[in-house]
Amino acid sequence: MNFPILNFVRWYPVTSLILVSALLSVCSVIYTYYKVDDHIPVSLTGIHHLGSDYRIAEFYIDKYGGDNVGESGYSGIVCCRMLPRQWSPGLKANVRWEIHHIVRPSDHAKPETEEIAGIYQAQVPIEHYLKPDRLWVHFFPNGRVRIVVSPEGSDSEKHPIHPNDEQAMSQAVTGTPVNSLFTEEEIAVSRREDAEDRRKFGDWR
C-alpha cells in the first residue's frame, strides 16, 4: 500500500525535518499562551485572637503583604497571593508577624504606648479547601497561627474556624521567636531586586 506522507519523507527528508520543527514550535506557542493556569490570585486577610490590648504590627505571607491587624482583630484586604486551583497535601506558606502590646495607663490624660510582645516566623500548612478563595491568616496567643481558605467571613458559621471555637488554637502551628521579621541578608537581597526592577521598568513612584 502506498502512503503519500511516507513517500514525501523519503524523497524530501530535510524539508520534512523543517516542517516537523515548525509544527512543534507552533504547538509549543499554543501551549504556552493558551494553557489553563493552575494557580489563581486571591486576597488575604489577617485575624487575631489576642484581645483588644494587642495588635499585629506587621505580617507577611511568603515575604509579601506587610499589612497590620488592629485592636479590633481584623486587617484590611491585601492583594495578592497565588493559590493552586487544587489543594494538595504539603501546601504551606511562610508567615512572619510582629505582635505589639498596647499599654493603656490608668491616667487617661497620658497617651497609650506600645511594646513588642513577640516576633515570630513559621511554615504554616494551608488547610484543605475545595476551591481557591480568600486566604485567612488567624493569629492566636503564644505565637500560634493557622491559614484557612474560605469565601465566608470569619464571623460566619461557615468559616472553617468558628468564632466561638475554643479548640481552634489547638490546631495552630507554633511559630519560632526571631529577633526581626527579616534578616540583614534578606533585606539586602530585596534592595538589590528592587534596584534591578527599577532599572528594567523605571521608577513608578
N, C-alpha and C. Protein backbone atom coordinates (compact mmCIF):
# COMPACT_ATOMS: atom_id res chain seq x y z
N MET A 1 0.85 -1.18 0.00
CA MET A 1 0.00 0.00 0.00
C MET A 1 0.89 1.24 0.00
N ASN A 2 0.49 2.21 -0.80
CA ASN A 2 1.31 3.41 -0.98
C ASN A 2 0.82 4.51 -0.04
N PHE A 3 1.72 5.05 0.84
CA PHE A 3 1.40 6.14 1.75
C PHE A 3 2.11 7.40 1.28
N PRO A 4 1.35 8.40 0.78
CA PRO A 4 1.97 9.63 0.25
C PRO A 4 2.87 10.32 1.25
N ILE A 5 2.48 10.33 2.54
CA ILE A 5 3.29 11.04 3.54
C ILE A 5 4.65 10.39 3.70
N LEU A 6 4.66 9.04 3.76
CA LEU A 6 5.92 8.33 3.88
C LEU A 6 6.80 8.56 2.66
N ASN A 7 6.18 8.58 1.49
CA ASN A 7 6.95 8.84 0.27
C ASN A 7 7.55 10.23 0.30
N PHE A 8 6.76 11.20 0.83
CA PHE A 8 7.27 12.57 0.90
C PHE A 8 8.49 12.63 1.83
N VAL A 9 8.40 11.95 2.98
CA VAL A 9 9.52 11.94 3.91
C VAL A 9 10.74 11.31 3.29
N ARG A 10 10.51 10.23 2.52
CA ARG A 10 11.62 9.52 1.89
C ARG A 10 12.28 10.41 0.84
N TRP A 11 11.46 11.15 0.08
CA TRP A 11 12.02 11.95 -1.02
C TRP A 11 12.58 13.29 -0.54
N TYR A 12 11.99 13.84 0.50
CA TYR A 12 12.41 15.17 0.95
C TYR A 12 12.69 15.15 2.46
N PRO A 13 13.74 14.47 2.89
CA PRO A 13 14.00 14.34 4.33
C PRO A 13 14.28 15.67 5.02
N VAL A 14 15.07 16.54 4.39
CA VAL A 14 15.40 17.82 5.02
C VAL A 14 14.15 18.68 5.16
N THR A 15 13.38 18.75 4.09
CA THR A 15 12.14 19.53 4.13
C THR A 15 11.20 19.00 5.21
N SER A 16 11.15 17.68 5.35
CA SER A 16 10.28 17.05 6.36
C SER A 16 10.71 17.46 7.76
N LEU A 17 12.02 17.47 8.03
CA LEU A 17 12.51 17.87 9.33
C LEU A 17 12.15 19.32 9.64
N ILE A 18 12.27 20.17 8.62
CA ILE A 18 11.93 21.58 8.82
C ILE A 18 10.46 21.73 9.16
N LEU A 19 9.60 20.99 8.43
CA LEU A 19 8.16 21.08 8.68
C LEU A 19 7.80 20.57 10.07
N VAL A 20 8.43 19.46 10.49
CA VAL A 20 8.17 18.92 11.82
C VAL A 20 8.61 19.91 12.89
N SER A 21 9.78 20.52 12.71
CA SER A 21 10.27 21.50 13.68
C SER A 21 9.32 22.69 13.78
N ALA A 22 8.84 23.14 12.63
CA ALA A 22 7.91 24.26 12.63
C ALA A 22 6.61 23.90 13.34
N LEU A 23 6.13 22.68 13.11
CA LEU A 23 4.90 22.24 13.76
C LEU A 23 5.07 22.17 15.27
N LEU A 24 6.22 21.64 15.73
CA LEU A 24 6.48 21.57 17.16
C LEU A 24 6.56 22.96 17.77
N SER A 25 7.14 23.90 17.05
CA SER A 25 7.23 25.28 17.55
C SER A 25 5.84 25.89 17.71
N VAL A 26 4.98 25.66 16.72
CA VAL A 26 3.62 26.19 16.79
C VAL A 26 2.88 25.59 17.99
N CYS A 27 3.04 24.27 18.17
CA CYS A 27 2.39 23.60 19.30
C CYS A 27 2.89 24.16 20.64
N SER A 28 4.19 24.43 20.70
CA SER A 28 4.75 24.98 21.92
C SER A 28 4.17 26.35 22.23
N VAL A 29 4.04 27.20 21.21
CA VAL A 29 3.47 28.54 21.39
C VAL A 29 2.02 28.44 21.85
N ILE A 30 1.26 27.56 21.22
CA ILE A 30 -0.15 27.40 21.59
C ILE A 30 -0.27 26.95 23.03
N TYR A 31 0.57 26.00 23.44
CA TYR A 31 0.53 25.50 24.82
C TYR A 31 0.89 26.59 25.81
N THR A 32 1.93 27.38 25.45
CA THR A 32 2.39 28.43 26.36
C THR A 32 1.34 29.50 26.57
N TYR A 33 0.68 29.92 25.51
CA TYR A 33 -0.22 31.06 25.59
C TYR A 33 -1.68 30.70 25.86
N TYR A 34 -2.04 29.47 25.63
CA TYR A 34 -3.45 29.11 25.77
C TYR A 34 -3.73 28.04 26.81
N LYS A 35 -2.70 27.53 27.48
CA LYS A 35 -2.94 26.53 28.52
C LYS A 35 -3.66 27.17 29.71
N VAL A 36 -4.41 26.36 30.46
CA VAL A 36 -5.11 26.83 31.64
C VAL A 36 -4.13 26.89 32.79
N ASP A 37 -4.01 28.05 33.41
CA ASP A 37 -3.08 28.22 34.52
C ASP A 37 -3.57 27.41 35.70
N ASP A 38 -2.63 26.83 36.47
CA ASP A 38 -3.03 26.01 37.61
C ASP A 38 -3.01 26.78 38.92
N HIS A 39 -2.79 28.10 38.88
CA HIS A 39 -2.84 28.95 40.06
C HIS A 39 -3.71 30.17 39.77
N ILE A 40 -4.34 30.71 40.81
CA ILE A 40 -5.08 31.96 40.66
C ILE A 40 -4.73 32.89 41.83
N PRO A 41 -4.81 34.20 41.62
CA PRO A 41 -4.53 35.15 42.71
C PRO A 41 -5.73 35.27 43.64
N VAL A 42 -5.46 35.31 44.94
CA VAL A 42 -6.53 35.50 45.92
C VAL A 42 -6.09 36.58 46.91
N SER A 43 -7.06 37.24 47.51
CA SER A 43 -6.77 38.24 48.53
C SER A 43 -6.54 37.55 49.86
N LEU A 44 -5.93 38.26 50.80
CA LEU A 44 -5.72 37.69 52.12
C LEU A 44 -6.06 38.70 53.20
N THR A 45 -6.51 38.16 54.33
CA THR A 45 -6.91 38.97 55.48
C THR A 45 -6.35 38.35 56.74
N GLY A 46 -5.88 39.19 57.65
CA GLY A 46 -5.38 38.72 58.94
C GLY A 46 -6.43 38.89 60.02
N ILE A 47 -6.52 37.91 60.91
CA ILE A 47 -7.43 37.95 62.05
C ILE A 47 -6.61 37.60 63.30
N HIS A 48 -6.72 38.39 64.36
CA HIS A 48 -6.03 37.98 65.58
C HIS A 48 -7.02 37.72 66.70
N HIS A 49 -6.65 36.76 67.55
CA HIS A 49 -7.49 36.34 68.67
C HIS A 49 -6.75 36.62 69.98
N LEU A 50 -6.13 37.79 70.04
CA LEU A 50 -5.27 38.13 71.17
C LEU A 50 -5.93 39.08 72.16
N GLY A 51 -7.08 39.61 71.82
CA GLY A 51 -7.74 40.58 72.69
C GLY A 51 -7.42 42.00 72.28
N SER A 52 -8.19 42.93 72.81
CA SER A 52 -8.09 44.33 72.38
C SER A 52 -6.85 45.05 72.91
N ASP A 53 -6.08 44.40 73.77
CA ASP A 53 -4.84 45.02 74.25
C ASP A 53 -3.65 44.68 73.36
N TYR A 54 -3.92 44.03 72.23
CA TYR A 54 -2.84 43.64 71.32
C TYR A 54 -3.21 43.98 69.89
N ARG A 55 -2.17 44.07 69.08
CA ARG A 55 -2.37 44.19 67.63
C ARG A 55 -1.19 43.55 66.93
N ILE A 56 -1.38 43.14 65.69
CA ILE A 56 -0.29 42.64 64.86
C ILE A 56 0.26 43.84 64.09
N ALA A 57 1.45 44.28 64.45
CA ALA A 57 2.01 45.48 63.83
C ALA A 57 2.29 45.26 62.35
N GLU A 58 2.78 44.07 62.01
CA GLU A 58 3.05 43.71 60.61
C GLU A 58 2.92 42.20 60.47
N PHE A 59 2.44 41.76 59.30
CA PHE A 59 2.54 40.34 58.99
C PHE A 59 2.78 40.16 57.50
N TYR A 60 3.50 39.11 57.18
CA TYR A 60 3.88 38.82 55.80
C TYR A 60 3.60 37.35 55.49
N ILE A 61 3.17 37.10 54.27
CA ILE A 61 2.97 35.74 53.77
C ILE A 61 3.95 35.54 52.62
N ASP A 62 4.86 34.60 52.78
CA ASP A 62 5.90 34.36 51.77
C ASP A 62 6.62 35.66 51.41
N LYS A 63 6.90 36.46 52.45
CA LYS A 63 7.64 37.73 52.36
C LYS A 63 6.84 38.86 51.72
N TYR A 64 5.56 38.62 51.42
CA TYR A 64 4.73 39.66 50.83
C TYR A 64 3.58 39.99 51.77
N GLY A 65 3.01 41.16 51.61
CA GLY A 65 1.87 41.57 52.42
C GLY A 65 2.18 42.86 53.14
N GLY A 66 2.75 42.74 54.32
CA GLY A 66 3.12 43.92 55.08
C GLY A 66 1.96 44.65 55.71
N ASP A 67 0.80 44.00 55.87
CA ASP A 67 -0.34 44.65 56.48
C ASP A 67 -0.27 44.50 58.00
N ASN A 68 -1.23 45.13 58.69
CA ASN A 68 -1.31 45.00 60.14
C ASN A 68 -2.72 44.58 60.53
N VAL A 69 -2.86 44.08 61.76
CA VAL A 69 -4.16 43.71 62.30
C VAL A 69 -4.38 44.54 63.54
N GLY A 70 -5.36 45.43 63.50
CA GLY A 70 -5.56 46.38 64.59
C GLY A 70 -6.18 45.77 65.84
N GLU A 71 -6.50 46.65 66.78
CA GLU A 71 -7.07 46.23 68.06
C GLU A 71 -8.40 45.51 67.87
N SER A 72 -9.10 45.83 66.78
CA SER A 72 -10.40 45.20 66.52
C SER A 72 -10.25 43.71 66.21
N GLY A 73 -9.02 43.31 65.81
CA GLY A 73 -8.78 41.91 65.48
C GLY A 73 -8.81 41.62 64.00
N TYR A 74 -9.09 42.65 63.15
CA TYR A 74 -9.19 42.43 61.72
C TYR A 74 -8.21 43.33 60.97
N SER A 75 -7.66 42.78 59.88
CA SER A 75 -6.83 43.60 58.99
C SER A 75 -7.66 44.02 57.79
N GLY A 76 -7.06 44.82 56.94
CA GLY A 76 -7.68 45.10 55.67
C GLY A 76 -7.49 43.91 54.73
N ILE A 77 -7.97 44.06 53.50
CA ILE A 77 -7.80 43.03 52.49
C ILE A 77 -6.56 43.36 51.68
N VAL A 78 -5.64 42.42 51.61
CA VAL A 78 -4.37 42.62 50.90
C VAL A 78 -4.37 41.76 49.64
N CYS A 79 -3.85 42.28 48.58
CA CYS A 79 -3.74 41.54 47.33
C CYS A 79 -2.25 41.40 46.99
N CYS A 80 -1.81 40.30 46.61
CA CYS A 80 -2.49 39.04 46.38
C CYS A 80 -1.51 37.91 46.68
N ARG A 81 -2.04 36.72 46.82
CA ARG A 81 -1.22 35.53 46.98
C ARG A 81 -1.74 34.49 46.00
N MET A 82 -0.84 33.78 45.33
CA MET A 82 -1.27 32.78 44.36
C MET A 82 -1.60 31.48 45.10
N LEU A 83 -2.73 30.89 44.73
CA LEU A 83 -3.14 29.60 45.29
C LEU A 83 -3.35 28.60 44.17
N PRO A 84 -2.95 27.36 44.36
CA PRO A 84 -3.25 26.32 43.37
C PRO A 84 -4.76 26.14 43.25
N ARG A 85 -5.23 25.87 42.04
CA ARG A 85 -6.65 25.60 41.86
C ARG A 85 -7.09 24.36 42.62
N GLN A 86 -6.16 23.45 42.79
CA GLN A 86 -6.47 22.22 43.51
C GLN A 86 -5.53 22.08 44.70
N TRP A 87 -6.12 21.90 45.88
CA TRP A 87 -5.32 21.73 47.09
C TRP A 87 -4.58 20.39 47.04
N SER A 88 -3.40 20.36 47.62
CA SER A 88 -2.64 19.12 47.71
C SER A 88 -1.93 19.07 49.06
N PRO A 89 -1.71 17.89 49.61
CA PRO A 89 -1.02 17.77 50.89
C PRO A 89 0.37 18.41 50.82
N GLY A 90 0.78 19.02 51.89
CA GLY A 90 2.10 19.65 51.93
C GLY A 90 2.11 21.10 51.50
N LEU A 91 0.94 21.64 51.10
CA LEU A 91 0.87 23.05 50.69
C LEU A 91 1.08 23.94 51.92
N LYS A 92 2.08 24.81 51.89
CA LYS A 92 2.42 25.64 53.04
C LYS A 92 2.73 27.07 52.61
N ALA A 93 2.78 27.95 53.59
CA ALA A 93 3.19 29.33 53.38
C ALA A 93 4.07 29.76 54.55
N ASN A 94 5.02 30.63 54.26
CA ASN A 94 5.87 31.18 55.30
C ASN A 94 5.19 32.42 55.88
N VAL A 95 4.93 32.40 57.18
CA VAL A 95 4.26 33.52 57.84
C VAL A 95 5.23 34.18 58.82
N ARG A 96 5.28 35.49 58.78
CA ARG A 96 6.10 36.27 59.72
C ARG A 96 5.21 37.35 60.30
N TRP A 97 5.28 37.53 61.63
CA TRP A 97 4.42 38.53 62.24
C TRP A 97 5.05 39.11 63.50
N GLU A 98 4.68 40.36 63.77
CA GLU A 98 5.19 41.08 64.95
C GLU A 98 3.99 41.53 65.78
N ILE A 99 3.99 41.13 67.05
CA ILE A 99 2.88 41.43 67.96
C ILE A 99 3.27 42.61 68.86
N HIS A 100 2.35 43.56 68.99
CA HIS A 100 2.55 44.68 69.91
C HIS A 100 1.51 44.62 71.02
N HIS A 101 1.97 44.87 72.25
CA HIS A 101 1.08 45.00 73.40
C HIS A 101 0.79 46.47 73.60
N ILE A 102 -0.49 46.82 73.67
CA ILE A 102 -0.88 48.21 73.86
C ILE A 102 -0.98 48.49 75.36
N VAL A 103 -0.19 49.43 75.81
CA VAL A 103 -0.16 49.78 77.24
C VAL A 103 -1.04 51.00 77.43
N ARG A 104 -2.11 50.81 78.20
CA ARG A 104 -3.06 51.89 78.46
C ARG A 104 -2.91 52.34 79.92
N PRO A 105 -2.36 53.51 80.14
CA PRO A 105 -2.17 53.98 81.52
C PRO A 105 -3.50 54.25 82.21
N SER A 106 -3.53 54.06 83.52
CA SER A 106 -4.75 54.33 84.28
C SER A 106 -5.14 55.80 84.23
N ASP A 107 -4.13 56.65 84.09
CA ASP A 107 -4.38 58.08 83.92
C ASP A 107 -4.68 58.33 82.44
N HIS A 108 -5.95 58.57 82.12
CA HIS A 108 -6.36 58.72 80.72
C HIS A 108 -5.78 59.96 80.05
N ALA A 109 -5.20 60.82 80.85
CA ALA A 109 -4.56 62.00 80.26
C ALA A 109 -3.24 61.66 79.60
N LYS A 110 -2.69 60.52 79.99
CA LYS A 110 -1.43 60.09 79.41
C LYS A 110 -1.68 59.27 78.13
N PRO A 111 -0.80 59.38 77.16
CA PRO A 111 -1.01 58.66 75.89
C PRO A 111 -0.74 57.16 76.04
N GLU A 112 -1.37 56.41 75.18
CA GLU A 112 -1.09 54.98 75.11
C GLU A 112 0.29 54.76 74.50
N THR A 113 0.93 53.70 74.89
CA THR A 113 2.21 53.31 74.30
C THR A 113 2.13 51.86 73.86
N GLU A 114 3.13 51.42 73.12
CA GLU A 114 3.16 50.04 72.65
C GLU A 114 4.53 49.44 72.93
N GLU A 115 4.53 48.15 73.19
CA GLU A 115 5.77 47.42 73.37
C GLU A 115 5.70 46.13 72.56
N ILE A 116 6.83 45.71 72.03
CA ILE A 116 6.86 44.49 71.24
C ILE A 116 6.65 43.29 72.16
N ALA A 117 5.63 42.49 71.85
CA ALA A 117 5.32 41.32 72.67
C ALA A 117 5.88 40.04 72.05
N GLY A 118 6.35 40.13 70.82
CA GLY A 118 6.92 38.94 70.18
C GLY A 118 7.01 39.10 68.68
N ILE A 119 8.05 38.51 68.11
CA ILE A 119 8.22 38.45 66.65
C ILE A 119 8.41 36.98 66.31
N TYR A 120 7.63 36.50 65.33
CA TYR A 120 7.62 35.07 65.05
C TYR A 120 7.71 34.79 63.55
N GLN A 121 8.12 33.56 63.26
CA GLN A 121 8.15 33.07 61.89
C GLN A 121 7.76 31.59 61.92
N ALA A 122 6.97 31.16 60.93
CA ALA A 122 6.54 29.76 60.91
C ALA A 122 6.20 29.32 59.49
N GLN A 123 6.47 28.05 59.21
CA GLN A 123 5.99 27.41 58.00
C GLN A 123 4.62 26.82 58.34
N VAL A 124 3.59 27.36 57.72
CA VAL A 124 2.22 27.04 58.13
C VAL A 124 1.48 26.30 57.02
N PRO A 125 0.90 25.15 57.33
CA PRO A 125 0.09 24.46 56.32
C PRO A 125 -1.12 25.30 55.91
N ILE A 126 -1.41 25.31 54.63
CA ILE A 126 -2.66 25.90 54.15
C ILE A 126 -3.69 24.78 54.19
N GLU A 127 -4.67 24.91 55.06
CA GLU A 127 -5.59 23.81 55.31
C GLU A 127 -6.46 23.49 54.10
N HIS A 128 -6.98 22.30 54.08
CA HIS A 128 -7.70 21.76 52.93
C HIS A 128 -8.83 22.68 52.46
N TYR A 129 -8.92 22.87 51.16
CA TYR A 129 -10.02 23.62 50.56
C TYR A 129 -10.46 22.92 49.28
N LEU A 130 -11.74 23.13 48.92
CA LEU A 130 -12.29 22.54 47.70
C LEU A 130 -12.11 23.47 46.51
N LYS A 131 -12.09 24.77 46.79
CA LYS A 131 -11.98 25.78 45.73
C LYS A 131 -11.15 26.94 46.26
N PRO A 132 -10.18 27.42 45.50
CA PRO A 132 -9.36 28.55 45.98
C PRO A 132 -10.20 29.80 46.15
N ASP A 133 -9.98 30.48 47.23
CA ASP A 133 -10.73 31.70 47.52
C ASP A 133 -9.91 32.53 48.50
N ARG A 134 -10.55 33.42 49.19
CA ARG A 134 -9.88 34.34 50.11
C ARG A 134 -9.06 33.59 51.16
N LEU A 135 -7.86 34.08 51.38
CA LEU A 135 -6.94 33.45 52.34
C LEU A 135 -7.05 34.17 53.67
N TRP A 136 -7.24 33.39 54.75
CA TRP A 136 -7.39 33.96 56.08
C TRP A 136 -6.26 33.47 56.97
N VAL A 137 -5.55 34.42 57.59
CA VAL A 137 -4.46 34.08 58.50
C VAL A 137 -4.92 34.40 59.91
N HIS A 138 -5.07 33.36 60.74
CA HIS A 138 -5.56 33.53 62.12
C HIS A 138 -4.39 33.47 63.09
N PHE A 139 -4.22 34.54 63.87
CA PHE A 139 -3.15 34.61 64.86
C PHE A 139 -3.74 34.36 66.25
N PHE A 140 -3.09 33.46 66.99
CA PHE A 140 -3.55 33.08 68.32
C PHE A 140 -2.49 33.44 69.36
N PRO A 141 -2.86 33.40 70.66
CA PRO A 141 -1.86 33.65 71.71
C PRO A 141 -0.71 32.65 71.66
N ASN A 142 0.37 33.02 72.31
CA ASN A 142 1.55 32.16 72.42
C ASN A 142 2.21 31.90 71.06
N GLY A 143 2.12 32.88 70.18
CA GLY A 143 2.83 32.78 68.90
C GLY A 143 2.34 31.67 68.01
N ARG A 144 1.03 31.47 67.95
CA ARG A 144 0.48 30.39 67.14
C ARG A 144 -0.35 30.97 65.99
N VAL A 145 -0.44 30.20 64.88
CA VAL A 145 -1.07 30.72 63.66
C VAL A 145 -1.66 29.59 62.84
N ARG A 146 -2.75 29.89 62.14
CA ARG A 146 -3.37 28.96 61.19
C ARG A 146 -3.71 29.71 59.91
N ILE A 147 -3.74 28.97 58.78
CA ILE A 147 -4.15 29.54 57.50
C ILE A 147 -5.29 28.69 56.95
N VAL A 148 -6.42 29.35 56.65
CA VAL A 148 -7.55 28.66 56.04
C VAL A 148 -7.99 29.43 54.79
N VAL A 149 -8.74 28.76 53.94
CA VAL A 149 -9.24 29.36 52.70
C VAL A 149 -10.76 29.28 52.72
N SER A 150 -11.42 30.42 52.51
CA SER A 150 -12.87 30.42 52.56
C SER A 150 -13.44 31.68 51.93
N PRO A 151 -14.59 31.56 51.21
CA PRO A 151 -15.27 32.76 50.74
C PRO A 151 -16.08 33.43 51.84
N GLU A 152 -16.27 32.70 52.96
CA GLU A 152 -17.08 33.21 54.06
C GLU A 152 -16.23 33.99 55.04
N GLY A 153 -16.78 35.06 55.59
CA GLY A 153 -16.09 35.87 56.56
C GLY A 153 -15.86 35.13 57.86
N SER A 154 -14.95 35.65 58.68
CA SER A 154 -14.57 34.96 59.91
C SER A 154 -15.67 34.95 60.95
N ASP A 155 -16.72 35.79 60.78
CA ASP A 155 -17.83 35.80 61.73
C ASP A 155 -18.96 34.88 61.29
N SER A 156 -18.73 34.15 60.20
CA SER A 156 -19.76 33.24 59.68
C SER A 156 -19.59 31.84 60.26
N GLU A 157 -20.69 31.15 60.48
CA GLU A 157 -20.64 29.77 60.95
C GLU A 157 -20.07 28.85 59.87
N LYS A 158 -20.04 29.31 58.62
CA LYS A 158 -19.50 28.52 57.52
C LYS A 158 -17.99 28.70 57.37
N HIS A 159 -17.43 29.63 58.11
CA HIS A 159 -15.98 29.82 58.08
C HIS A 159 -15.31 28.61 58.73
N PRO A 160 -14.16 28.17 58.20
CA PRO A 160 -13.50 26.98 58.76
C PRO A 160 -13.18 27.08 60.25
N ILE A 161 -12.93 28.29 60.75
CA ILE A 161 -12.69 28.49 62.17
C ILE A 161 -13.88 29.26 62.74
N HIS A 162 -14.70 28.59 63.50
CA HIS A 162 -15.90 29.21 64.04
C HIS A 162 -15.54 30.27 65.08
N PRO A 163 -16.33 31.33 65.15
CA PRO A 163 -15.99 32.44 66.06
C PRO A 163 -15.80 32.03 67.52
N ASN A 164 -16.58 31.05 67.99
CA ASN A 164 -16.51 30.65 69.39
C ASN A 164 -15.87 29.28 69.59
N ASP A 165 -15.05 28.88 68.65
CA ASP A 165 -14.40 27.57 68.73
C ASP A 165 -13.20 27.65 69.68
N GLU A 166 -13.36 27.11 70.85
CA GLU A 166 -12.29 27.17 71.85
C GLU A 166 -11.14 26.22 71.51
N GLN A 167 -11.38 25.28 70.60
CA GLN A 167 -10.34 24.32 70.22
C GLN A 167 -9.55 24.76 68.98
N ALA A 168 -9.91 25.91 68.44
CA ALA A 168 -9.27 26.34 67.18
C ALA A 168 -7.76 26.48 67.33
N MET A 169 -7.30 26.96 68.50
CA MET A 169 -5.88 27.19 68.68
C MET A 169 -5.09 25.88 68.75
N SER A 170 -5.75 24.79 69.14
CA SER A 170 -5.04 23.52 69.30
C SER A 170 -4.49 23.00 67.98
N GLN A 171 -5.07 23.43 66.86
CA GLN A 171 -4.61 23.00 65.54
C GLN A 171 -3.61 23.97 64.92
N ALA A 172 -3.30 25.04 65.64
CA ALA A 172 -2.41 26.06 65.09
C ALA A 172 -0.95 25.65 65.22
N VAL A 173 -0.13 26.20 64.33
CA VAL A 173 1.32 25.97 64.34
C VAL A 173 1.96 26.99 65.27
N THR A 174 2.90 26.53 66.07
CA THR A 174 3.63 27.44 66.95
C THR A 174 4.83 28.02 66.20
N GLY A 175 4.90 29.35 66.15
CA GLY A 175 5.99 30.00 65.45
C GLY A 175 7.28 30.00 66.24
N THR A 176 8.36 30.22 65.54
CA THR A 176 9.68 30.32 66.15
C THR A 176 9.98 31.79 66.47
N PRO A 177 10.29 32.12 67.71
CA PRO A 177 10.65 33.52 68.02
C PRO A 177 11.92 33.93 67.26
N VAL A 178 11.90 35.13 66.70
CA VAL A 178 13.06 35.66 65.98
C VAL A 178 13.30 37.09 66.43
N ASN A 179 14.47 37.60 66.12
CA ASN A 179 14.83 38.96 66.54
C ASN A 179 14.25 40.04 65.65
N SER A 180 14.01 39.70 64.38
CA SER A 180 13.46 40.67 63.44
C SER A 180 12.70 39.92 62.37
N LEU A 181 11.80 40.62 61.69
CA LEU A 181 11.00 39.98 60.65
C LEU A 181 11.85 39.48 59.50
N PHE A 182 12.89 40.24 59.16
CA PHE A 182 13.77 39.87 58.06
C PHE A 182 15.22 40.03 58.49
N THR A 183 16.06 39.14 58.01
CA THR A 183 17.48 39.24 58.32
C THR A 183 18.12 40.33 57.46
N GLU A 184 19.31 40.73 57.84
CA GLU A 184 20.03 41.74 57.06
C GLU A 184 20.29 41.24 55.65
N GLU A 185 20.59 39.94 55.53
CA GLU A 185 20.84 39.37 54.20
C GLU A 185 19.58 39.45 53.33
N GLU A 186 18.42 39.13 53.92
CA GLU A 186 17.17 39.19 53.15
C GLU A 186 16.85 40.62 52.73
N ILE A 187 17.09 41.57 53.61
CA ILE A 187 16.85 42.97 53.27
C ILE A 187 17.77 43.41 52.14
N ALA A 188 19.03 42.99 52.19
CA ALA A 188 19.98 43.35 51.13
C ALA A 188 19.54 42.77 49.79
N VAL A 189 19.09 41.51 49.79
CA VAL A 189 18.62 40.87 48.55
C VAL A 189 17.40 41.62 48.01
N SER A 190 16.48 41.98 48.90
CA SER A 190 15.28 42.71 48.48
C SER A 190 15.63 44.05 47.86
N ARG A 191 16.61 44.74 48.43
CA ARG A 191 17.01 46.04 47.87
C ARG A 191 17.64 45.88 46.50
N ARG A 192 18.43 44.82 46.34
CA ARG A 192 19.04 44.57 45.02
C ARG A 192 17.96 44.25 43.99
N GLU A 193 16.97 43.47 44.39
CA GLU A 193 15.89 43.13 43.46
C GLU A 193 15.08 44.36 43.09
N ASP A 194 14.81 45.24 44.07
CA ASP A 194 14.08 46.48 43.80
C ASP A 194 14.86 47.37 42.83
N ALA A 195 16.18 47.47 43.06
CA ALA A 195 17.02 48.29 42.18
C ALA A 195 17.02 47.74 40.76
N GLU A 196 17.06 46.41 40.64
CA GLU A 196 17.04 45.79 39.32
C GLU A 196 15.70 46.03 38.63
N ASP A 197 14.61 45.95 39.38
CA ASP A 197 13.29 46.21 38.81
C ASP A 197 13.18 47.65 38.32
N ARG A 198 13.70 48.60 39.11
CA ARG A 198 13.66 49.99 38.69
C ARG A 198 14.50 50.22 37.45
N ARG A 199 15.63 49.49 37.37
CA ARG A 199 16.48 49.63 36.19
C ARG A 199 15.76 49.11 34.94
N LYS A 200 15.02 48.02 35.09
CA LYS A 200 14.34 47.41 33.94
C LYS A 200 13.06 48.16 33.56
N PHE A 201 12.28 48.53 34.60
CA PHE A 201 10.92 49.02 34.32
C PHE A 201 10.71 50.49 34.68
N GLY A 202 11.73 51.12 35.26
CA GLY A 202 11.59 52.52 35.64
C GLY A 202 11.01 52.63 37.04
N ASP A 203 11.14 53.81 37.62
CA ASP A 203 10.62 54.06 38.97
C ASP A 203 9.22 54.64 38.82
N TRP A 204 8.19 53.82 39.20
CA TRP A 204 6.79 54.24 39.03
C TRP A 204 6.32 55.19 40.13
N ARG A 205 7.14 55.35 41.19
CA ARG A 205 6.68 56.19 42.31
C ARG A 205 6.63 57.67 41.92
